[in-house]
Protein backbone atom coordinates (compact mmCIF):
# COMPACT_ATOMS: atom_id res chain seq x y z
CA UNK A 1 38.21 26.90 -13.92
CA UNK A 2 34.57 27.97 -13.67
CA UNK A 3 31.35 27.08 -15.41
CA UNK A 4 28.75 24.34 -15.26
CA UNK A 5 29.58 20.78 -16.13
CA UNK A 6 27.55 18.78 -18.66
CA UNK A 7 25.39 17.14 -15.96
CA UNK A 8 24.55 20.46 -14.30
CA UNK A 9 23.73 22.04 -17.65
CA UNK A 10 21.48 19.11 -18.56
CA UNK A 11 19.72 19.34 -15.19
CA UNK A 12 19.18 23.07 -15.71
CA UNK A 13 17.73 22.46 -19.19
CA UNK A 14 15.41 19.79 -17.78
CA UNK A 15 14.21 22.16 -15.06
CA UNK A 16 13.45 24.82 -17.66
CA UNK A 17 11.54 22.27 -19.73
CA UNK A 18 9.51 21.17 -16.68
CA UNK A 19 8.69 24.79 -15.84
CA UNK A 20 7.58 25.45 -19.41
CA UNK A 21 5.44 22.30 -19.44
CA UNK A 22 3.82 23.28 -16.13
CA UNK A 23 3.04 26.73 -17.56
CA UNK A 24 1.46 25.25 -20.69
CA UNK A 25 -0.56 22.75 -18.66
CA UNK A 26 -1.75 25.59 -16.41
CA UNK A 27 -2.91 27.59 -19.41
CA UNK A 28 -4.75 24.54 -20.75
CA UNK A 29 -6.44 23.98 -17.37
CA UNK A 30 -7.55 27.63 -17.25
CA UNK A 31 -8.98 27.42 -20.78
CA UNK A 32 -10.81 24.18 -19.96
CA UNK A 33 -12.27 25.73 -16.79
CA UNK A 34 -13.38 28.82 -18.74
CA UNK A 35 -15.04 26.76 -21.46
CA UNK A 36 -16.60 24.42 -18.91
CA UNK A 37 -18.08 27.38 -17.02
CA UNK A 38 -19.44 29.00 -20.18
CA UNK A 39 -20.92 25.75 -21.48
CA UNK A 40 -18.72 25.66 -24.59
CA UNK A 41 -17.23 22.29 -23.62
CA UNK A 42 -19.87 19.56 -23.06
CA UNK A 43 -18.95 16.88 -20.55
CA UNK A 44 -19.18 14.11 -23.14
CA UNK A 45 -16.79 15.93 -25.49
CA UNK A 46 -14.33 16.52 -22.65
CA UNK A 47 -14.38 12.82 -21.76
CA UNK A 48 -13.84 11.81 -25.39
CA UNK A 49 -10.85 14.15 -25.62
CA UNK A 50 -9.36 12.62 -22.46
CA UNK A 51 -9.77 9.12 -23.89
CA UNK A 52 -8.18 10.09 -27.22
CA UNK A 53 -5.21 11.64 -25.43
CA UNK A 54 -4.64 8.53 -23.32
CA UNK A 55 -4.96 6.33 -26.40
CA UNK A 56 -2.62 8.18 -28.75
CA UNK A 57 -0.11 9.89 -26.44
CA UNK A 58 3.40 8.45 -27.12
CA UNK A 59 4.50 5.66 -24.78
CA UNK A 60 1.45 6.25 -22.56
CA UNK A 61 -1.52 4.84 -24.45
CA UNK A 62 -3.55 2.19 -22.75
CA UNK A 63 -3.92 0.27 -25.98
CA UNK A 64 -0.22 0.23 -26.86
CA UNK A 65 1.32 -3.21 -27.22
CA UNK A 66 4.56 -4.99 -28.03
CA UNK A 67 2.93 -6.01 -31.33
CA UNK A 68 2.79 -2.36 -32.43
CA UNK A 69 6.35 -1.71 -31.30
CA UNK A 70 7.62 -4.71 -33.26
CA UNK A 71 5.83 -3.41 -36.34
CA UNK A 72 7.79 -0.17 -36.07
CA UNK A 73 11.06 -2.12 -35.62
CA UNK A 74 10.41 -4.30 -38.68
CA UNK A 75 9.49 -1.31 -40.83
CA UNK A 76 12.82 0.33 -39.98
CA UNK A 77 14.99 -2.80 -40.10
CA UNK A 78 15.60 -2.94 -43.87
CA UNK A 79 18.48 -0.89 -45.31
CA UNK A 80 18.50 -0.21 -49.05
CA UNK A 81 22.07 0.11 -50.47
CA UNK A 82 20.82 1.45 -53.83
CA UNK A 83 20.94 5.19 -53.20
CA UNK A 84 18.95 7.62 -55.42
CA UNK A 85 20.86 9.39 -58.18
CA UNK A 86 18.47 12.21 -59.14
CA UNK A 87 20.16 15.60 -59.28
CA UNK A 88 19.16 19.19 -60.12
CA UNK A 89 22.64 20.04 -61.42
CA UNK A 90 23.87 19.28 -64.97
CA UNK A 91 25.79 16.04 -65.00
CA UNK A 92 25.00 15.38 -61.37
CA UNK A 93 23.01 12.23 -62.02
CA UNK A 94 25.82 10.79 -64.14
CA UNK A 95 28.37 11.43 -61.40
CA UNK A 96 26.14 9.86 -58.77
CA UNK A 97 25.53 6.81 -60.95
CA UNK A 98 29.28 6.34 -61.37
CA UNK A 99 29.85 6.56 -57.62
CA UNK A 100 27.00 4.15 -56.95
CA UNK A 101 28.37 1.57 -59.42
CA UNK A 102 31.85 1.81 -57.92
CA UNK A 103 30.71 1.39 -54.33
CA UNK A 104 27.61 -0.77 -54.64
CA UNK A 105 29.46 -4.09 -54.50
CA UNK A 106 31.08 -3.06 -51.20
CA UNK A 107 28.05 -1.38 -49.61
CA UNK A 108 25.77 -4.22 -50.73
CA UNK A 109 27.95 -6.77 -48.95
CA UNK A 110 27.87 -4.76 -45.68
CA UNK A 111 24.16 -3.92 -45.92
CA UNK A 112 23.27 -7.57 -46.58
CA UNK A 113 24.84 -8.57 -43.27
CA UNK A 114 23.11 -5.72 -41.42
CA UNK A 115 19.74 -6.71 -42.89
CA UNK A 116 20.33 -10.33 -41.87
CA UNK A 117 21.07 -9.23 -38.30
CA UNK A 118 18.00 -6.96 -38.17
CA UNK A 119 15.77 -9.73 -39.52
CA UNK A 120 17.10 -12.26 -37.00
CA UNK A 121 16.60 -9.77 -34.16
CA UNK A 122 13.03 -9.06 -35.26
CA UNK A 123 12.22 -12.78 -35.44
CA UNK A 124 13.66 -13.30 -31.97
CA UNK A 125 11.51 -10.49 -30.57
CA UNK A 126 8.48 -12.07 -32.22
CA UNK A 127 9.21 -15.35 -30.44
CA UNK A 128 9.49 -13.51 -27.13
CA UNK A 129 6.22 -11.69 -27.84
CA UNK A 130 4.46 -15.00 -28.51
CA UNK A 131 5.74 -16.46 -25.24
CA UNK A 132 4.74 -13.38 -23.26
CA UNK A 133 1.28 -13.54 -24.78
CA UNK A 134 1.00 -17.22 -23.82
CA UNK A 135 2.03 -16.44 -20.23
CA UNK A 136 -0.42 -13.55 -20.08
CA UNK A 137 -3.24 -15.77 -21.35
CA UNK A 138 -2.44 -18.41 -18.73
CA UNK A 139 -2.25 -15.78 -16.00
CA UNK A 140 -5.59 -14.22 -17.01
CA UNK A 141 -7.23 -17.66 -16.95
CA UNK A 142 -6.04 -18.41 -13.42
CA UNK A 143 -6.18 -15.08 -11.64
CA UNK A 144 -9.16 -13.89 -9.61
CA UNK A 145 -10.68 -10.75 -11.06
CA UNK A 146 -10.27 -7.81 -8.69
CA UNK A 147 -13.19 -6.04 -7.05
CA UNK A 148 -12.50 -2.38 -7.90
CA UNK A 149 -15.30 -1.03 -5.70
CA UNK A 150 -16.59 -2.44 -2.42
CA UNK A 151 -19.71 -0.74 -1.08
CA UNK A 152 -22.17 -1.42 1.71
CA UNK A 153 -25.55 0.29 2.06
CA UNK A 154 -24.89 1.64 5.55
CA UNK A 155 -21.41 3.00 4.79
CA UNK A 156 -21.66 4.29 1.22
CA UNK A 157 -24.66 6.50 0.69
CA UNK A 158 -26.20 9.90 1.46
CA UNK A 159 -27.16 8.80 4.97
CA UNK A 160 -23.69 7.64 6.05
CA UNK A 161 -22.25 9.30 9.16
CA UNK A 162 -19.13 10.60 7.41
CA UNK A 163 -20.85 12.58 4.65
CA UNK A 164 -21.45 15.83 6.58
CA UNK A 165 -18.02 15.63 8.19
CA UNK A 166 -16.31 15.38 4.81
CA UNK A 167 -18.43 18.20 3.36
CA UNK A 168 -17.32 20.42 6.26
CA UNK A 169 -13.70 19.44 5.68
CA UNK A 170 -13.79 20.16 1.95
CA UNK A 171 -15.97 23.31 2.16
CA UNK A 172 -14.24 26.37 0.72
CA UNK A 173 -11.49 24.30 -0.86
CA UNK A 174 -9.96 25.89 -3.95
CA UNK A 175 -9.25 23.79 -7.03
CA UNK A 176 -11.10 20.76 -8.36
CA UNK A 177 -12.40 18.10 -5.98
CA UNK A 178 -12.51 14.46 -7.12
CA UNK A 179 -14.76 11.75 -5.67
CA UNK A 180 -13.95 8.13 -6.51
CA UNK A 181 -16.52 5.35 -6.93
CA UNK A 182 -18.94 8.19 -7.59
CA UNK A 183 -21.80 5.95 -8.73
CA UNK A 184 -24.74 8.09 -9.84
CA UNK A 185 -22.96 11.22 -8.58
CA UNK A 186 -24.83 11.71 -5.31
CA UNK A 187 -21.76 13.02 -3.45
CA UNK A 188 -20.53 15.07 -6.41
CA UNK A 189 -23.97 16.69 -6.36
CA UNK A 190 -23.59 17.55 -2.66
CA UNK A 191 -20.15 19.05 -3.31
CA UNK A 192 -21.50 21.10 -6.21
CA UNK A 193 -24.26 22.44 -3.98
CA UNK A 194 -21.48 23.95 -1.87
CA UNK A 195 -20.15 25.73 -4.97
CA UNK A 196 -17.16 23.43 -5.32
CA UNK A 197 -15.71 22.47 -8.72
CA UNK A 198 -16.44 18.77 -8.20
CA UNK A 199 -16.33 15.75 -10.47
CA UNK A 200 -16.11 11.99 -10.08
CA UNK A 201 -14.77 8.77 -11.56
CA UNK A 202 -16.12 5.26 -11.31
CA UNK A 203 -14.44 2.12 -12.71
CA UNK A 204 -17.73 0.20 -12.96
CA UNK A 205 -19.61 0.00 -16.23
CA UNK A 206 -22.97 1.69 -16.64
CA UNK A 207 -22.92 3.71 -13.43
CA UNK A 208 -22.67 7.23 -14.84
CA UNK A 209 -25.48 7.33 -17.43
CA UNK A 210 -27.94 8.98 -15.06
CA UNK A 211 -25.33 11.49 -13.94
CA UNK A 212 -24.76 12.55 -17.54
CA UNK A 213 -28.45 13.33 -17.94
CA UNK A 214 -28.31 15.53 -14.85
CA UNK A 215 -25.26 17.39 -16.16
CA UNK A 216 -22.76 16.10 -13.60
CA UNK A 217 -19.11 15.63 -14.56
CA UNK A 218 -18.51 11.90 -14.09
CA UNK A 219 -16.12 9.62 -15.97
CA UNK A 220 -16.05 5.85 -16.33
CA UNK A 221 -12.39 5.16 -15.65
CA UNK A 222 -10.08 3.17 -13.37
CA UNK A 223 -9.15 5.25 -10.36
CA UNK A 224 -5.37 4.84 -10.52
CA UNK A 225 -5.34 5.44 -14.29
CA UNK A 226 -7.16 8.71 -13.76
CA UNK A 227 -4.93 9.83 -10.88
CA UNK A 228 -1.83 9.19 -12.99
CA UNK A 229 -3.25 11.49 -15.68
CA UNK A 230 -3.92 14.40 -13.30
CA UNK A 231 -1.46 17.29 -13.56
CA UNK A 232 0.87 18.06 -10.61
CA UNK A 233 -1.04 20.01 -7.94
CA UNK A 234 -4.11 19.66 -10.15
CA UNK A 235 -6.56 18.82 -7.36
CA UNK A 236 -7.66 20.75 -4.30
CA UNK A 237 -9.39 17.74 -2.81
CA UNK A 238 -9.55 13.96 -3.26
CA UNK A 239 -12.27 11.87 -1.59
CA UNK A 240 -11.58 8.11 -1.79
CA UNK A 241 -14.58 5.99 -0.87
CA UNK A 242 -15.24 2.36 -1.72
CA UNK A 243 -11.93 1.85 -3.56
CA UNK A 244 -9.09 1.53 -1.04
CA UNK A 245 -10.49 -1.29 1.09
CA UNK A 246 -9.56 -4.17 -1.20
CA UNK A 247 -6.50 -2.65 -2.87
CA UNK A 248 -3.19 -4.47 -2.97
CA UNK A 249 -0.18 -3.03 -1.15
CA UNK A 250 1.31 -1.74 -4.41
CA UNK A 251 -1.95 0.03 -5.33
CA UNK A 252 -2.12 1.72 -1.94
CA UNK A 253 1.48 2.87 -2.22
CA UNK A 254 0.61 4.31 -5.62
CA UNK A 255 -2.38 6.18 -4.16
CA UNK A 256 -0.26 7.84 -1.49
CA UNK A 257 2.54 8.70 -3.94
CA UNK A 258 0.10 10.12 -6.49
CA UNK A 259 -1.72 12.12 -3.81
CA UNK A 260 1.57 13.72 -2.82
CA UNK A 261 2.04 14.81 -6.45
CA UNK A 262 -1.44 15.91 -7.53
CA UNK A 263 -2.81 17.57 -4.37
CA UNK A 264 -2.18 21.31 -4.27
CA UNK A 265 -0.72 22.97 -1.13
CA UNK A 266 -3.32 22.99 1.66
CA UNK A 267 -5.41 20.52 -0.31
CA UNK A 268 -7.09 17.57 1.37
CA UNK A 269 -7.21 13.82 0.85
CA UNK A 270 -10.06 11.97 2.54
CA UNK A 271 -9.95 8.17 2.81
CA UNK A 272 -13.06 6.30 3.91
CA UNK A 273 -12.52 2.62 4.58
CA UNK A 274 -14.18 -0.26 6.31
CA UNK A 275 -12.41 -1.59 9.37
CA UNK A 276 -11.61 -5.26 9.86
CA UNK A 277 -14.89 -5.65 11.79
CA UNK A 278 -16.90 -4.05 9.00
CA UNK A 279 -15.07 -6.10 6.39
CA UNK A 280 -15.98 -9.42 8.04
CA UNK A 281 -19.52 -8.49 9.08
CA UNK A 282 -22.46 -10.54 7.80
CA UNK A 283 -23.73 -7.70 5.62
CA UNK A 284 -20.38 -7.11 3.92
CA UNK A 285 -20.67 -7.33 0.11
CA UNK A 286 -19.53 -10.44 -1.72
CA UNK A 287 -16.80 -8.36 -3.39
CA UNK A 288 -14.97 -8.46 -0.06
CA UNK A 289 -14.32 -12.16 -0.61
CA UNK A 290 -12.98 -11.53 -4.13
CA UNK A 291 -10.68 -8.61 -3.35
CA UNK A 292 -6.93 -8.99 -3.64
CA UNK A 293 -6.35 -7.26 -0.30
CA UNK A 294 -8.07 -6.33 2.92
CA UNK A 295 -8.61 -3.03 4.75
CA UNK A 296 -5.68 -1.42 6.48
CA UNK A 297 -5.88 -0.20 10.04
CA UNK A 298 -6.61 3.51 10.22
CA UNK A 299 -3.28 4.06 11.98
CA UNK A 300 -1.46 2.54 9.00
CA UNK A 301 -3.09 4.97 6.56
CA UNK A 302 -2.23 7.83 8.89
CA UNK A 303 1.40 6.74 9.00
CA UNK A 304 1.62 6.40 5.23
CA UNK A 305 0.24 9.89 4.63
CA UNK A 306 2.33 11.29 7.47
CA UNK A 307 5.49 10.02 5.82
CA UNK A 308 4.36 11.69 2.59
CA UNK A 309 4.28 15.08 4.33
CA UNK A 310 0.57 15.34 5.18
CA UNK A 311 -0.98 16.40 8.48
CA UNK A 312 -3.37 13.58 9.36
CA UNK A 313 -6.53 13.19 11.42
CA UNK A 314 -8.19 9.82 12.08
CA UNK A 315 -11.92 9.57 12.90
CA UNK A 316 -13.57 6.28 13.88
CA UNK A 317 -17.15 5.63 12.82
CA UNK A 318 -19.98 4.30 15.02
CA UNK A 319 -19.20 0.86 16.35
CA UNK A 320 -15.70 1.07 14.84
CA UNK A 321 -17.01 -0.58 11.67
CA UNK A 322 -15.42 2.06 9.43
CA UNK A 323 -13.27 5.16 9.69
CA UNK A 324 -12.08 8.36 8.03
CA UNK A 325 -8.54 9.51 7.44
CA UNK A 326 -8.26 13.22 6.62
CA UNK A 327 -4.83 14.24 5.29
CA UNK A 328 -3.94 17.89 4.69
CA UNK A 329 -1.09 18.81 2.34
CA UNK A 330 0.47 21.79 4.10
CA UNK A 331 4.17 20.89 4.15
CA UNK A 332 4.19 21.00 7.90
CA UNK A 333 5.89 17.66 8.35
CA UNK A 334 4.70 14.43 9.87
CA UNK A 335 1.81 14.53 12.26
CA UNK A 336 -0.98 12.13 13.30
CA UNK A 337 -4.06 12.95 15.35
CA UNK A 338 -6.95 10.68 16.34
CA UNK A 339 -10.61 11.24 17.14
CA UNK A 340 -12.16 8.26 18.82
């Protein structure tokens, strides 16, 4: 007996659907790039479209809540046993009315029990929602707010030692290049000067107003939220500065996993991080004391990216106060190199 089983057929259908979705997303990216180049798509409009998509996309909106889901459940929980009897055929309405009278006593008894069950279930979910909200309120009151960006003057600015090295690494890279914690866009500007399709994100409020005036493509958005929204192989380069130092272990794992998905073949991921010595120095920012984590050793980052299939180079900064990790997505397997 030959032929595909149900599971194989379903897997094949899913693969076709993924291929079709990738094709559509590619066409959308090409149209966006064309309109961006011709000036038909202002940066502010593009950002507003991104925010609307994240807000209203099914099961993915940032503003979605259990309250909204329960509203949908309650709206669909009532079953009406009194069926309509309108008919376009002569005598049809009379026949339907007769059937409804004959069966309504039976259907009404069954539907009443179903409606009771649905109502009890909805009330139970409401109780659970109230308790979850109470726990969330208590948690928010006790937790320490995270420090999404940790920057020092000597390590995060145009005069930092790593800037020229990263520009050389990214030079000639095809595809879009993203800089995180972009601030006023100083590094995005340097990338654009090298004719790279560069843009940036910054989770801090009020940091991108000046960049908008200068025409740079910067977005006020949480870094991980933005990376999750990037299409597969949608970036040629990713430069992470000021954001990985104080991340939790789960956030760092997410960064590596997302980089493996969104970086195109032969693309590059650059991680700049303070070392333990830089983290505990007297001129370290106060955010270092509020962060949920602490910097990893450069070797740890190299191992994480190596396991994800990147070729990795580690470069220590002056005085070993900070370092660079340069990871290249070339499918060549695990490899770690160091420059001391």
